[in-house]
Protein backbone atom coordinates (compact mmCIF):
# COMPACT_ATOMS: atom_id res chain seq x y z
CA MET A 1 -22.53 85.95 5.08
CA ARG A 2 -19.89 83.23 4.53
CA THR A 3 -18.23 81.80 7.61
CA GLU A 4 -14.90 79.98 7.63
CA ARG A 5 -14.92 76.29 8.45
CA LYS A 6 -13.35 75.47 11.77
CA LEU A 7 -10.35 73.16 11.40
CA THR A 8 -10.63 69.81 13.10
CA ARG A 9 -7.82 67.91 14.75
CA LEU A 10 -7.43 65.73 11.66
CA ASP A 11 -7.17 68.80 9.43
CA ARG A 12 -4.37 70.17 11.61
CA VAL A 13 -2.54 66.85 11.43
CA PHE A 14 -2.69 66.80 7.62
CA ALA A 15 -1.61 70.44 7.51
CA ARG A 16 1.53 69.54 9.45
CA LEU A 17 2.32 66.82 6.91
CA ASP A 18 2.53 69.30 4.02
CA ARG A 19 5.90 70.62 2.94
CA GLU A 20 6.75 74.03 4.29
CA PRO A 21 7.25 76.76 1.67
CA GLU A 22 10.73 77.56 2.96
CA ARG A 23 13.14 76.55 5.65
CA PRO A 24 12.12 77.67 9.15
CA ALA A 25 14.00 80.77 10.26
CA LEU A 26 14.74 79.37 13.73
CA LEU A 27 15.40 75.69 14.40
CA ASP A 28 15.12 74.44 17.97
CA VAL A 29 18.71 73.24 18.39
CA PRO A 30 19.50 71.92 21.90
CA GLU A 31 22.46 73.52 23.63
CA MET A 32 24.85 72.13 26.21
CA SER A 33 23.21 73.79 29.19
CA ARG A 34 24.20 73.31 32.82
CA HIS A 35 21.35 70.90 33.35
CA ARG A 36 22.39 68.77 30.38
CA PHE A 37 26.04 68.87 31.41
CA ALA A 38 25.09 67.73 34.94
CA LEU A 39 23.13 64.81 33.43
CA PHE A 40 26.09 63.95 31.22
CA ALA A 41 28.49 63.96 34.19
CA GLY A 42 26.12 61.83 36.31
CA THR A 43 25.61 59.30 33.50
CA LEU A 44 29.36 59.10 32.93
CA ALA A 45 29.91 58.41 36.64
CA PHE A 46 27.23 55.70 36.51
CA TYR A 47 28.97 54.18 33.45
CA LEU A 48 32.35 54.06 35.17
CA ALA A 49 30.82 52.67 38.38
CA ILE A 50 29.29 49.71 36.51
CA VAL A 51 32.58 48.97 34.76
CA TRP A 52 34.43 49.09 38.06
CA ALA A 53 31.85 46.87 39.79
CA VAL A 54 32.24 44.22 37.10
CA LEU A 55 36.03 44.44 37.10
CA ILE A 56 36.32 43.78 40.83
CA THR A 57 33.67 41.00 40.69
CA SER A 58 31.35 42.73 43.12
CA TRP A 59 27.75 42.01 44.09
CA LEU A 60 26.68 43.06 40.58
CA VAL A 61 28.48 40.06 39.10
CA ARG A 62 26.85 37.76 41.66
CA LEU A 63 23.47 39.21 40.65
CA ASP A 64 24.30 38.49 37.02
CA TRP A 65 24.88 34.81 37.85
CA GLN A 66 21.71 34.56 39.91
CA VAL A 67 19.59 35.91 37.02
CA MET A 68 21.33 33.57 34.63
CA PHE A 69 20.62 30.49 36.82
CA PHE A 70 17.02 31.65 37.16
CA ARG A 71 16.63 31.19 33.36
CA PRO A 72 13.69 33.54 32.64
CA TYR A 73 13.06 31.95 29.24
CA GLN A 74 12.19 28.71 31.06
CA GLN A 75 10.12 30.42 33.76
CA TRP A 76 7.85 32.23 31.27
CA PRO A 77 7.97 30.28 28.00
CA GLY A 78 4.66 31.73 26.82
CA ILE A 79 6.16 35.12 25.91
CA HIS A 80 9.20 33.70 24.12
CA ALA A 81 7.76 34.29 20.63
CA PHE A 82 6.79 37.88 21.44
CA VAL A 83 10.23 38.66 22.88
CA ASP A 84 11.92 37.27 19.78
CA TYR A 85 10.11 39.90 17.68
CA TYR A 86 10.34 42.70 20.23
CA VAL A 87 14.12 42.48 20.49
CA VAL A 88 14.34 43.51 16.81
CA LEU A 89 13.61 47.06 17.99
CA GLY A 90 17.21 47.10 19.21
CA GLN A 91 18.89 45.74 16.11
CA ARG A 92 20.87 48.40 14.31
CA GLY A 93 19.89 47.62 10.73
CA PRO A 94 16.06 47.62 10.91
CA THR A 95 15.86 50.48 13.42
CA ALA A 96 18.29 52.67 11.48
CA VAL A 97 16.28 52.20 8.28
CA MET A 98 12.97 53.07 9.95
CA VAL A 99 14.30 56.13 11.76
CA ALA A 100 16.24 57.32 8.68
CA ALA A 101 13.05 57.15 6.59
CA TRP A 102 11.18 59.32 9.07
CA LEU A 103 14.03 61.83 9.43
CA GLY A 104 14.48 61.92 5.66
CA TRP A 105 10.87 62.99 5.29
CA ARG A 106 11.43 65.68 7.92
CA SER A 107 14.51 66.90 6.06
CA TRP A 108 12.50 67.17 2.84
CA ARG A 109 9.62 68.93 4.61
CA GLN A 110 11.76 71.54 6.38
CA HIS A 111 14.39 72.05 3.64
CA THR A 112 17.23 71.08 5.98
CA LEU A 113 19.70 68.21 6.29
CA ARG A 114 20.11 68.53 10.05
CA PRO A 115 17.92 65.51 11.03
CA LEU A 116 19.80 63.11 8.79
CA LEU A 117 23.20 64.51 9.74
CA ALA A 118 22.37 64.28 13.45
CA LEU A 119 21.38 60.63 12.98
CA GLY A 120 24.61 59.92 11.11
CA VAL A 121 26.76 61.53 13.81
CA SER A 122 24.96 59.64 16.59
CA LEU A 123 25.34 56.27 14.84
CA LEU A 124 29.03 56.99 14.18
CA LEU A 125 29.60 57.78 17.86
CA LEU A 126 27.68 54.63 18.80
CA ASN A 127 29.84 52.40 16.60
CA VAL A 128 33.08 53.93 17.83
CA THR A 129 32.41 54.09 21.58
CA VAL A 130 30.35 50.94 22.10
CA GLY A 131 32.45 48.92 19.66
CA ALA A 132 35.68 49.95 21.38
CA ALA A 133 34.29 49.03 24.81
CA LYS A 134 32.99 45.67 23.58
CA TYR A 135 36.24 44.48 22.05
CA GLY A 136 38.41 46.22 24.62
CA MET A 137 36.93 44.40 27.62
CA GLY A 138 36.10 41.14 25.77
CA ARG A 139 33.48 39.80 28.18
CA LEU A 140 31.77 36.49 27.44
CA GLY A 141 28.00 36.13 27.50
CA PRO A 142 25.93 33.85 29.74
CA HIS A 143 25.73 31.07 27.15
CA TYR A 144 29.53 30.95 26.82
CA ALA A 145 30.57 31.48 30.46
CA THR A 146 33.36 29.19 31.65
CA THR A 147 33.77 29.78 35.41
CA ILE A 148 30.85 30.18 37.79
CA GLY A 149 31.04 33.46 39.71
CA SER A 150 33.72 35.07 37.52
CA ASN A 151 33.25 38.32 35.59
CA GLU A 152 34.29 36.60 32.31
CA MET A 153 36.34 39.63 31.24
CA TRP A 154 39.10 39.63 28.57
CA ARG A 155 38.16 36.25 27.18
CA GLY A 156 37.36 37.22 23.59
CA GLY A 157 33.70 38.14 24.02
CA ASP A 158 31.83 41.18 22.70
CA ILE A 159 28.70 41.65 24.83
CA PHE A 160 29.73 44.29 27.39
CA PRO A 161 28.00 46.77 27.04
CA SER A 162 24.80 45.57 25.38
CA GLY A 163 24.72 46.80 21.79
CA HIS A 164 20.97 46.19 21.46
CA THR A 165 20.24 48.41 24.44
CA ALA A 166 22.60 51.20 23.41
CA ASN A 167 21.29 51.14 19.85
CA ALA A 168 17.68 51.33 21.04
CA VAL A 169 18.52 54.32 23.25
CA VAL A 170 20.22 56.20 20.39
CA THR A 171 17.94 55.40 17.44
CA TRP A 172 14.67 56.01 19.29
CA GLY A 173 16.08 58.78 21.48
CA ILE A 174 17.22 60.78 18.45
CA LEU A 175 13.55 61.33 17.64
CA ALA A 176 13.10 63.03 21.01
CA TYR A 177 16.31 65.01 20.52
CA LEU A 178 15.07 66.38 17.18
CA ALA A 179 11.48 67.03 18.34
CA SER A 180 10.14 70.44 17.33
CA THR A 181 8.17 71.18 20.53
CA PRO A 182 8.97 70.64 24.25
CA ARG A 183 5.82 68.58 24.71
CA ALA A 184 6.75 66.21 21.88
CA ARG A 185 10.28 65.97 23.28
CA ARG A 186 8.98 64.88 26.69
CA TRP A 187 6.64 62.25 25.27
CA LEU A 188 9.25 60.86 22.88
CA SER A 189 11.88 60.77 25.64
CA ALA A 190 9.61 58.68 27.85
CA LEU A 191 8.71 56.40 24.93
CA SER A 192 12.35 55.84 23.93
CA ALA A 193 13.30 55.09 27.56
CA VAL A 194 10.57 52.44 27.85
CA VAL A 195 11.45 50.87 24.48
CA SER A 196 15.19 50.74 25.21
CA LEU A 197 14.76 49.27 28.69
CA GLY A 198 12.32 46.73 27.26
CA VAL A 199 14.85 45.71 24.62
CA GLY A 200 17.55 45.32 27.28
CA MET A 201 15.36 43.15 29.49
CA SER A 202 14.45 41.06 26.44
CA THR A 203 18.12 40.19 25.95
CA VAL A 204 18.34 39.19 29.64
CA TYR A 205 15.21 37.04 29.22
CA LEU A 206 16.71 35.30 26.19
CA GLY A 207 20.00 34.73 28.04
CA THR A 208 22.19 36.58 25.54
CA HIS A 209 23.30 39.34 27.97
CA TRP A 210 24.08 39.78 31.64
CA LEU A 211 22.03 42.28 33.60
CA SER A 212 25.09 44.52 33.98
CA ASP A 213 25.49 44.54 30.18
CA VAL A 214 22.04 46.09 29.86
CA LEU A 215 22.74 48.77 32.47
CA LEU A 216 26.02 49.72 30.81
CA GLY A 217 24.41 49.77 27.33
CA TRP A 218 21.65 52.06 28.56
CA ALA A 219 24.26 54.45 30.03
CA ALA A 220 26.37 54.32 26.84
CA GLY A 221 23.45 55.28 24.61
CA LEU A 222 22.37 58.07 26.94
CA LEU A 223 25.89 59.52 26.96
CA ILE A 224 25.78 59.81 23.15
CA LEU A 225 22.45 61.65 23.18
CA LEU A 226 23.60 64.03 25.92
CA ALA A 227 26.83 64.79 24.05
CA LEU A 228 25.17 65.63 20.71
CA PRO A 229 24.97 69.43 21.36
CA TRP A 230 28.78 69.53 21.28
CA PHE A 231 28.60 68.30 17.67
CA GLU A 232 25.94 70.78 16.50
CA PRO A 233 28.52 73.27 15.08
CA LEU A 234 30.05 70.43 13.06
CA ILE A 235 26.58 69.44 11.79
CA THR A 236 25.86 73.07 10.82
CA ARG A 237 29.12 73.41 8.87
CA ALA A 238 28.57 70.08 7.11
CA GLU A 239 25.04 71.08 6.11
CA ALA A 240 26.20 74.47 4.78
CA ARG A 241 28.94 72.81 2.75
CA ILE A 242 26.63 70.19 1.24
CA LEU A 243 23.95 72.75 0.35
CA GLY A 244 26.62 75.06 -1.08
CA LEU A 245 27.90 72.30 -3.35
CA ARG A 246 24.34 71.62 -4.47
CA ASP A 247 23.68 75.30 -5.25
CA ARG A 248 26.92 75.63 -7.23
CA ARG A 249 26.09 72.52 -9.19
CA TYR A 250 22.66 73.83 -10.17
CA ALA A 251 24.07 77.26 -11.01
CA ARG A 252 26.81 75.88 -13.26
CA PRO A 253 26.37 77.06 -16.91
CA GLY A 254 25.92 74.39 -19.52
CA ARG A 255 24.67 71.84 -17.02
CA PRO A 256 22.68 69.06 -18.71
CA GLY A 257 19.01 69.75 -18.45
CA ASP A 258 19.22 73.57 -18.44
CA THR A 259 17.96 73.99 -22.01
CA LYS A 260 14.29 73.36 -22.38
CA ARG A 261 13.09 71.49 -25.42
CA PRO A 262 9.99 72.78 -27.21
CA ALA A 263 6.89 70.74 -26.77
CA GLY A 264 5.52 68.81 -29.74
CA PRO A 265 6.85 66.24 -32.18
CA PRO A 266 10.52 66.51 -33.18
CA VAL A 267 11.21 68.42 -36.42
CA ALA A 268 14.08 67.41 -38.66
CA ALA A 269 16.67 70.14 -38.97
CA ALA A 270 17.25 71.54 -42.50
CA PRO A 271 20.77 71.10 -43.95
CA PRO A 272 22.98 74.21 -44.30
CA ALA A 273 22.58 76.46 -47.34
CA SER A 274 26.00 75.49 -48.68
CA VAL A 275 25.04 71.84 -48.69
CA GLN A 276 21.72 72.63 -50.34
CA GLU A 277 23.47 74.51 -53.16
CA GLU A 278 26.07 71.84 -53.80
CA SER A 279 23.75 68.86 -53.76
CA PRO A 280 21.84 68.40 -57.03
CA ALA A 281 18.09 68.30 -57.02
CA ARG A 282 16.77 64.82 -56.87
CA GLU A 283 13.90 63.65 -58.94
CA PRO A 284 10.98 62.13 -57.13
CA VAL A 285 11.21 58.41 -57.10
CA ALA A 286 8.10 56.71 -58.31
CA ALA A 287 6.61 53.95 -56.30
CA PRO A 288 7.49 50.51 -57.63
CA ARG A 289 4.82 48.94 -59.70
CA THR A 290 3.57 45.54 -58.86
CA ARG A 291 3.35 43.07 -61.68
CA ALA A 292 0.50 40.67 -61.94
CA PRO A 293 1.51 37.03 -61.75
CA ALA A 294 2.00 35.43 -65.13
CA TYR A 295 0.02 32.31 -65.93
CA LEU A 296 1.60 30.11 -68.57
CA ALA A 297 -0.51 28.30 -71.09
CA PRO A 298 -0.29 24.52 -71.15
CA GLY A 299 2.35 23.15 -73.39
CA PRO A 300 6.11 22.79 -73.63
CA HIS A 301 8.12 25.83 -72.52
CA THR A 302 11.77 26.65 -72.88
CA THR A 303 13.95 27.46 -69.96
CA ARG A 304 15.45 30.94 -69.46
CA SER A 305 18.89 29.75 -70.58
CA ASP A 306 17.49 28.55 -73.94
CA ARG A 307 15.96 31.91 -74.76
CA THR A 308 17.64 34.57 -76.88
CA PRO A 309 19.60 36.91 -74.60
CA VAL A 310 18.40 40.47 -74.70
CA THR A 311 20.46 43.43 -73.55
CA PRO A 312 18.83 45.96 -71.25
CA ALA A 313 19.11 48.71 -73.83
CA GLY A 314 17.57 46.70 -76.67
CA SER A 315 14.01 45.88 -77.48
CA ARG A 316 12.29 42.59 -76.84
CA ARG A 317 10.29 42.87 -80.08
CA PRO A 318 11.65 41.16 -83.23
CA PRO A 319 12.94 43.44 -85.99
CA HIS A 320 10.45 44.48 -88.68
CA ALA A 321 11.11 46.12 -91.98
CA ASP A 322 8.25 48.63 -91.77
CA ARG A 323 8.90 49.59 -88.15
CA HIS A 324 11.02 52.65 -87.42
CA PRO A 325 12.60 53.65 -84.19
CA ARG A 326 10.95 56.30 -82.05
CA ASN A 327 11.79 60.01 -82.49
CA ALA A 328 12.96 59.40 -86.06
CA ALA A 329 11.38 60.88 -89.15
CA PRO A 330 9.67 58.26 -91.28
CA ALA A 331 11.28 57.57 -94.61
CA ALA A 332 9.49 58.85 -97.73
CA ARG A 333 7.60 56.22 -99.56
CA PRO A 334 8.16 55.88 -103.25
CA VAL A 335 5.26 57.20 -105.29
CA SER A 336 4.13 54.67 -107.84
CA GLY A 337 3.09 56.05 -111.12
CA GLY A 338 0.03 54.86 -112.78
């Protein structure tokens, strides 16, 4: 009796890496529930409170200056090299490439464009909202501060909110947003929160951002993730349109690549019958003969210009009285009597 082999944990992992035969019937698309809307409203209030606290130069601004004078990069110089590499997890270019590669594989595996489209919408919202806030408030960073104790607002800066922190929240949080199971969503949410807060504190350690910049960047990125369910209908329509254009392109008659060529070596096509009748039959061309090299005997020789010219139709042999041309009847010889 043959028993089936029990699948191990590694076998189940490799099974999940294979491409699914068709698109899943039901995709776990988050909705704007009451709980999510309450989180969005609370995060928005936190965002506005930080902006207001910085505008009125409250205790938060005084805390910013105290952290700046503390100079963490001088207090713990041993971790400076590690922080320089760790802060790359918040840079938009490298993180977007890594996350897009993973979501592209998921799109291929599940026959859907939703992961890539959700990433594109989130990055577009990030550039618009965070970029507008940065250049709108124009706050200077700690390295370029001019007046001790001031909020450094509207002086041509671009560090409020922290772009590294907001980008880390969005790019790593989108993995939790697109998770296929609730358990994976919880674990990825906790991981993205730790990574994003670590990136924000790294910028404070390096002295490139105020502490309030990090708090506002964290709130800005979280607002984008919480608002994504409002853009799910737009993502669905965009996906349907793109896939519809692809299907119409593949169904178009006469598209290059539709005709299949027979396997084997190419065969030259025969000319039409009319051309075969009009063209005269050609005689087979004999292969050119190779002449052996001529070796001249020793002695004086005449040049080619001194020789007797011979026409192509004539014969190179000298004339002879008893020699008759070919295909001619020989002349009768006189009969001698005797």
